[in-house]
PDB file of N, CA and C in Angstrom:
ATOM      1  N   ASP A   1      15.486  -8.330   2.773  1.00  0.00           N
ATOM      2  CA  ASP A   1      14.972  -9.344   4.080  1.00  0.00           C
ATOM      3  C   ASP A   1      14.438  -8.145   5.041  1.00  0.00           C
ATOM      4  N   MET A   2      13.747  -8.343   5.409  1.00  0.00           N
ATOM      5  CA  MET A   2      12.612  -7.282   6.534  1.00  0.00           C
ATOM      6  C   MET A   2      12.837  -8.070   7.931  1.00  0.00           C
ATOM      7  N   PRO A   3      13.352  -7.209   8.908  1.00  0.00           N
ATOM      8  CA  PRO A   3      12.713  -8.261  10.244  1.00  0.00           C
ATOM      9  C   PRO A   3      11.465  -8.284  10.518  1.00  0.00           C
ATOM     10  N   GLY A   4      11.220  -9.413  11.125  1.00  0.00           N
ATOM     11  CA  GLY A   4       9.558 -10.229  11.042  1.00  0.00           C
ATOM     12  C   GLY A   4       8.937 -10.465   9.860  1.00  0.00           C
ATOM     13  N   TYR A   5       9.169 -10.585   9.159  1.00  0.00           N
ATOM     14  CA  TYR A   5       8.404 -10.709   7.654  1.00  0.00           C
ATOM     15  C   TYR A   5       8.963 -12.123   7.901  1.00  0.00           C
ATOM     16  N   ARG A   6       8.490 -13.257   6.906  1.00  0.00           N
ATOM     17  CA  ARG A   6       9.305 -14.728   6.398  1.00  0.00           C
ATOM     18  C   ARG A   6       9.835 -14.550   4.521  1.00  0.00           C
ATOM     19  N   GLU A   7       8.598 -13.961   4.304  1.00  0.00           N
ATOM     20  CA  GLU A   7       9.109 -13.566   2.772  1.00  0.00           C
ATOM     21  C   GLU A   7       9.475 -12.046   1.941  1.00  0.00           C
ATOM     22  N   PRO A   8      10.336 -12.052   1.286  1.00  0.00           N
ATOM     23  CA  PRO A   8      10.391 -10.343   0.843  1.00  0.00           C
ATOM     24  C   PRO A   8       8.996  -9.844   0.586  1.00  0.00           C
ATOM     25  N   VAL A   9       9.155  -8.388   1.370  1.00  0.00           N
ATOM     26  CA  VAL A   9       7.845  -7.721   0.949  1.00  0.00           C
ATOM     27  C   VAL A   9       8.327  -6.333   0.449  1.00  0.00           C
ATOM     28  N   ILE A  10       7.458  -5.870  -0.187  1.00  0.00           N
ATOM     29  CA  ILE A  10       7.522  -4.410  -0.637  1.00  0.00           C
ATOM     30  C   ILE A  10       6.880  -3.314  -0.137  1.00  0.00           C
ATOM     31  N   MET A  11       7.185  -1.690  -0.022  1.00  0.00           N
ATOM     32  CA  MET A  11       6.210  -1.684   1.254  1.00  0.00           C
ATOM     33  C   MET A  11       6.297  -0.153   0.453  1.00  0.00           C
ATOM     34  N   ALA A  12       5.320   0.690   0.112  1.00  0.00           N
ATOM     35  CA  ALA A  12       5.009   1.860  -0.225  1.00  0.00           C
ATOM     36  C   ALA A  12       4.087   2.888   0.121  1.00  0.00           C
ATOM     37  N   ALA A  13       4.879   4.597   0.344  1.00  0.00           N
ATOM     38  CA  ALA A  13       3.993   5.181   0.662  1.00  0.00           C
ATOM     39  C   ALA A  13       3.952   6.535  -0.092  1.00  0.00           C
ATOM     40  N   GLY A  14       2.790   7.059  -0.348  1.00  0.00           N
ATOM     41  CA  GLY A  14       2.733   8.456  -0.904  1.00  0.00           C
ATOM     42  C   GLY A  14       2.718   9.739  -0.319  1.00  0.00           C
ATOM     43  N   THR A  15       3.737  10.160   0.308  1.00  0.00           N
ATOM     44  CA  THR A  15       3.870  11.038   1.163  1.00  0.00           C
ATOM     45  C   THR A  15       5.232  11.647   1.328  1.00  0.00           C
ATOM     46  N   PHE A  16       5.333  12.704   1.815  1.00  0.00           N
ATOM     47  CA  PHE A  16       6.734  13.293   2.053  1.00  0.00           C
ATOM     48  C   PHE A  16       6.925  13.577   3.799  1.00  0.00           C
ATOM     49  N   VAL A  17       6.211  13.049   4.514  1.00  0.00           N
ATOM     50  CA  VAL A  17       6.467  12.952   5.166  1.00  0.00           C
ATOM     51  C   VAL A  17       6.010  11.814   6.172  1.00  0.00           C
ATOM     52  N   GLY A  18       7.428  10.963   6.561  1.00  0.00           N
ATOM     53  CA  GLY A  18       6.450   9.654   7.060  1.00  0.00           C
ATOM     54  C   GLY A  18       6.114   9.488   8.375  1.00  0.00           C
ATOM     55  N   GLY A  19       5.132   8.437   8.770  1.00  0.00           N
ATOM     56  CA  GLY A  19       4.312   8.666   9.636  1.00  0.00           C
ATOM     57  C   GLY A  19       3.832   9.457  10.295  1.00  0.00           C
ATOM     58  N   ALA A  20       3.084  10.489   9.369  1.00  0.00           N
ATOM     59  CA  ALA A  20       2.167  11.272   8.624  1.00  0.00           C
ATOM     60  C   ALA A  20       0.885  11.035   9.134  1.00  0.00           C
ATOM     61  N   SER A  21      -0.204  11.579   9.747  1.00  0.00           N
ATOM     62  CA  SER A  21      -1.555  11.222   9.482  1.00  0.00           C
ATOM     63  C   SER A  21      -2.356  10.747   8.345  1.00  0.00           C
ATOM     64  N   LEU A  22      -1.980  11.620   7.561  1.00  0.00           N
ATOM     65  CA  LEU A  22      -2.642  11.547   6.019  1.00  0.00           C
ATOM     66  C   LEU A  22      -1.738  10.615   5.612  1.00  0.00           C
ATOM     67  N   GLU A  23      -0.687   9.854   5.702  1.00  0.00           N
ATOM     68  CA  GLU A  23      -0.288   8.949   5.132  1.00  0.00           C
ATOM     69  C   GLU A  23      -0.813   7.491   4.960  1.00  0.00           C
ATOM     70  N   LEU A  24      -0.982   7.578   3.663  1.00  0.00           N
ATOM     71  CA  LEU A  24      -1.583   6.374   2.841  1.00  0.00           C
ATOM     72  C   LEU A  24      -0.540   5.503   2.127  1.00  0.00           C
ATOM     73  N   THR A  25      -0.344   3.797   2.629  1.00  0.00           N
ATOM     74  CA  THR A  25       0.396   3.120   2.332  1.00  0.00           C
ATOM     75  C   THR A  25       0.361   1.523   2.194  1.00  0.00           C
ATOM     76  N   ALA A  26       0.445   1.080   1.593  1.00  0.00           N
ATOM     77  CA  ALA A  26       0.279  -0.364   1.261  1.00  0.00           C
ATOM     78  C   ALA A  26       2.138  -1.468   1.116  1.00  0.00           C
ATOM     79  N   ASP A  27       1.687  -2.223   2.142  1.00  0.00           N
ATOM     80  CA  ASP A  27       2.201  -3.571   2.174  1.00  0.00           C
ATOM     81  C   ASP A  27       2.029  -4.356   1.018  1.00  0.00           C
ATOM     82  N   ALA A  28       2.882  -5.318   0.795  1.00  0.00           N
ATOM     83  CA  ALA A  28       2.447  -7.186   0.781  1.00  0.00           C
ATOM     84  C   ALA A  28       3.400  -7.384   0.392  1.00  0.00           C
ATOM     85  N   PRO A  29       3.627  -8.738   0.802  1.00  0.00           N
ATOM     86  CA  PRO A  29       4.404  -9.542   0.131  1.00  0.00           C
ATOM     87  C   PRO A  29       5.181  -9.748  -1.384  1.00  0.00           C
ATOM     88  N   ILE A  30       5.952 -10.499  -1.259  1.00  0.00           N
ATOM     89  CA  ILE A  30       6.744 -10.709  -2.883  1.00  0.00           C
ATOM     90  C   ILE A  30       6.216 -11.771  -3.651  1.00  0.00           C
ATOM     91  N   LYS A  31       5.338 -12.827  -3.725  1.00  0.00           N
ATOM     92  CA  LYS A  31       5.080 -13.843  -3.907  1.00  0.00           C
ATOM     93  C   LYS A  31       3.228 -13.961  -3.917  1.00  0.00           C
ATOM     94  N   PRO A  32       2.590 -15.294  -4.433  1.00  0.00           N
ATOM     95  CA  PRO A  32       1.285 -15.001  -4.788  1.00  0.00           C
ATOM     96  C   PRO A  32       0.836 -15.691  -3.520  1.00  0.00           C
ATOM     97  N   PRO A  33      -0.434 -14.930  -3.367  1.00  0.00           N
ATOM     98  CA  PRO A  33      -1.379 -14.201  -4.070  1.00  0.00           C
ATOM     99  C   PRO A  33      -1.002 -13.018  -4.261  1.00  0.00           C
ATOM    100  N   TYR A  34       0.318 -11.573  -3.994  1.00  0.00           N
ATOM    101  CA  TYR A  34      -0.038 -10.702  -4.122  1.00  0.00           C
ATOM    102  C   TYR A  34      -0.907 -10.110  -3.300  1.00  0.00           C
ATOM    103  N   ILE A  35      -1.045 -10.143  -1.864  1.00  0.00           N
ATOM    104  CA  ILE A  35      -1.995  -9.867  -1.613  1.00  0.00           C
ATOM    105  C   ILE A  35      -1.980  -7.872  -0.241  1.00  0.00           C
ATOM    106  N   ALA A  36      -2.252  -7.354  -1.033  1.00  0.00           N
ATOM    107  CA  ALA A  36      -1.622  -5.727  -0.371  1.00  0.00           C
ATOM    108  C   ALA A  36      -2.688  -4.982   0.695  1.00  0.00           C
ATOM    109  N   TYR A  37      -1.560  -5.059   1.421  1.00  0.00           N
ATOM    110  CA  TYR A  37      -2.402  -4.671   2.930  1.00  0.00           C
ATOM    111  C   TYR A  37      -2.311  -2.753   2.920  1.00  0.00           C
ATOM    112  N   VAL A  38      -3.861  -2.265   2.788  1.00  0.00           N
ATOM    113  CA  VAL A  38      -3.352  -0.856   2.629  1.00  0.00           C
ATOM    114  C   VAL A  38      -3.961  -0.252   4.658  1.00  0.00           C
ATOM    115  N   GLN A  39      -3.100   0.937   4.259  1.00  0.00           N
ATOM    116  CA  GLN A  39      -3.812   1.706   5.825  1.00  0.00           C
ATOM    117  C   GLN A  39      -3.413   2.665   5.657  1.00  0.00           C
ATOM    118  N   GLY A  40      -3.843   3.895   6.638  1.00  0.00           N
ATOM    119  CA  GLY A  40      -3.846   5.359   6.306  1.00  0.00           C
ATOM    120  C   GLY A  40      -5.001   6.337   5.401  1.00  0.00           C
ATOM    121  N   GLY A  41      -4.540   7.380   5.735  1.00  0.00           N
ATOM    122  CA  GLY A  41      -5.468   7.724   4.020  1.00  0.00           C
ATOM    123  C   GLY A  41      -6.273   9.019   5.122  1.00  0.00           C
ATOM    124  N   LEU A  42      -7.144   9.864   4.120  1.00  0.00           N
ATOM    125  CA  LEU A  42      -7.605  10.643   4.572  1.00  0.00           C
ATOM    126  C   LEU A  42      -9.029  10.644   5.020  1.00  0.00           C
ATOM    127  N   THR A  43      -9.320  10.282   4.367  1.00  0.00           N
ATOM    128  CA  THR A  43     -11.078   9.544   4.423  1.00  0.00           C
ATOM    129  C   THR A  43     -11.246   8.254   3.688  1.00  0.00           C
ATOM    130  N   TYR A  44     -12.315   7.559   3.902  1.00  0.00           N
ATOM    131  CA  TYR A  44     -12.611   6.642   2.633  1.00  0.00           C
ATOM    132  C   TYR A  44     -12.527   6.993   1.422  1.00  0.00           C
ATOM    133  N   GLU A  45     -13.360   7.986   0.992  1.00  0.00           N
ATOM    134  CA  GLU A  45     -12.903   8.163  -0.131  1.00  0.00           C
ATOM    135  C   GLU A  45     -11.464   8.330  -0.742  1.00  0.00           C
ATOM    136  N   HIS A  46     -11.080   8.804  -0.397  1.00  0.00           N
ATOM    137  CA  HIS A  46      -9.163   9.253  -0.362  1.00  0.00           C
ATOM    138  C   HIS A  46      -8.725   7.574  -1.076  1.00  0.00           C
ATOM    139  N   ILE A  47      -9.008   6.797   0.273  1.00  0.00           N
ATOM    140  CA  ILE A  47      -8.509   5.380   0.101  1.00  0.00           C
ATOM    141  C   ILE A  47      -9.470   4.830  -1.472  1.00  0.00           C
ATOM    142  N   LYS A  48     -10.090   5.089  -1.219  1.00  0.00           N
ATOM    143  CA  LYS A  48     -10.809   4.236  -2.395  1.00  0.00           C
ATOM    144  C   LYS A  48     -10.765   4.617  -3.742  1.00  0.00           C
ATOM    145  N   LEU A  49     -10.511   5.917  -4.262  1.00  0.00           N
ATOM    146  CA  LEU A  49      -9.832   6.490  -5.089  1.00  0.00           C
ATOM    147  C   LEU A  49      -8.438   5.774  -5.385  1.00  0.00           C
ATOM    148  N   ALA A  50      -7.602   6.017  -4.325  1.00  0.00           N
ATOM    149  CA  ALA A  50      -7.051   5.109  -4.421  1.00  0.00           C
ATOM    150  C   ALA A  50      -6.367   3.707  -4.973  1.00  0.00           C
ATOM    151  N   VAL A  51      -7.252   2.802  -4.172  1.00  0.00           N
ATOM    152  CA  VAL A  51      -7.174   2.125  -4.774  1.00  0.00           C
ATOM    153  C   VAL A  51      -7.377   1.641  -6.200  1.00  0.00           C
ATOM    154  N   LEU A  52      -8.997   2.420  -6.341  1.00  0.00           N
ATOM    155  CA  LEU A  52      -9.020   2.638  -7.556  1.00  0.00           C
ATOM    156  C   LEU A  52      -8.568   2.559  -9.185  1.00  0.00           C
ATOM    157  N   ARG A  53      -7.538   3.630  -8.911  1.00  0.00           N
ATOM    158  CA  ARG A  53      -6.088   3.611  -9.568  1.00  0.00           C
ATOM    159  C   ARG A  53      -5.490   2.923  -9.948  1.00  0.00           C
ATOM    160  N   CYS A  54      -4.699   2.545  -8.491  1.00  0.00           N
ATOM    161  CA  CYS A  54      -3.989   1.854  -8.619  1.00  0.00           C
ATOM    162  C   CYS A  54      -4.558   0.027  -9.718  1.00  0.00           C
ATOM    163  N   ILE A  55      -5.938  -0.175  -9.309  1.00  0.00           N
ATOM    164  CA  ILE A  55      -6.566  -1.858 -10.136  1.00  0.00           C
ATOM    165  C   ILE A  55      -6.124  -0.901 -11.246  1.00  0.00           C
ATOM    166  N   GLU A  56      -6.845  -0.115 -11.687  1.00  0.00           N
ATOM    167  CA  GLU A  56      -6.907   0.036 -13.291  1.00  0.00           C
ATOM    168  C   GLU A  56      -5.590   0.429 -13.482  1.00  0.00           C
ATOM    169  N   GLU A  57      -4.824   1.352 -13.292  1.00  0.00           N
ATOM    170  CA  GLU A  57      -3.299   0.895 -13.709  1.00  0.00           C
ATOM    171  C   GLU A  57      -2.410  -0.662 -13.705  1.00  0.00           C
ATOM    172  N   PHE A  58      -3.086  -1.437 -12.465  1.00  0.00           N
ATOM    173  CA  PHE A  58      -2.091  -2.990 -12.884  1.00  0.00           C
ATOM    174  C   PHE A  58      -2.931  -3.542 -13.907  1.00  0.00           C
ATOM    175  N   TYR A  59      -4.175  -3.363 -14.189  1.00  0.00           N
ATOM    176  CA  TYR A  59      -4.780  -4.094 -15.257  1.00  0.00           C
ATOM    177  C   TYR A  59      -5.060  -3.349 -16.902  1.00  0.00           C
ATOM    178  N   GLN A  60      -4.194  -2.419 -16.743  1.00  0.00           N
ATOM    179  CA  GLN A  60      -3.753  -1.535 -18.015  1.00  0.00           C
ATOM    180  C   GLN A  60      -2.680  -2.554 -19.065  1.00  0.00           C
TER     181      GLN A  60
END
């Protein structure tokens, strides 16, 4: 349980330095419909590639 959230939440960050300006993170409640909220990233292309790779992995 995390303060401020009604449901259990999973948080992911692909970075070595928490809070870095290039940090790409995704937060999602652990319940249907499993919507992930993506934030950060270097460029639009960086975020788009990361999201597409995640979707690709999910469906394999």
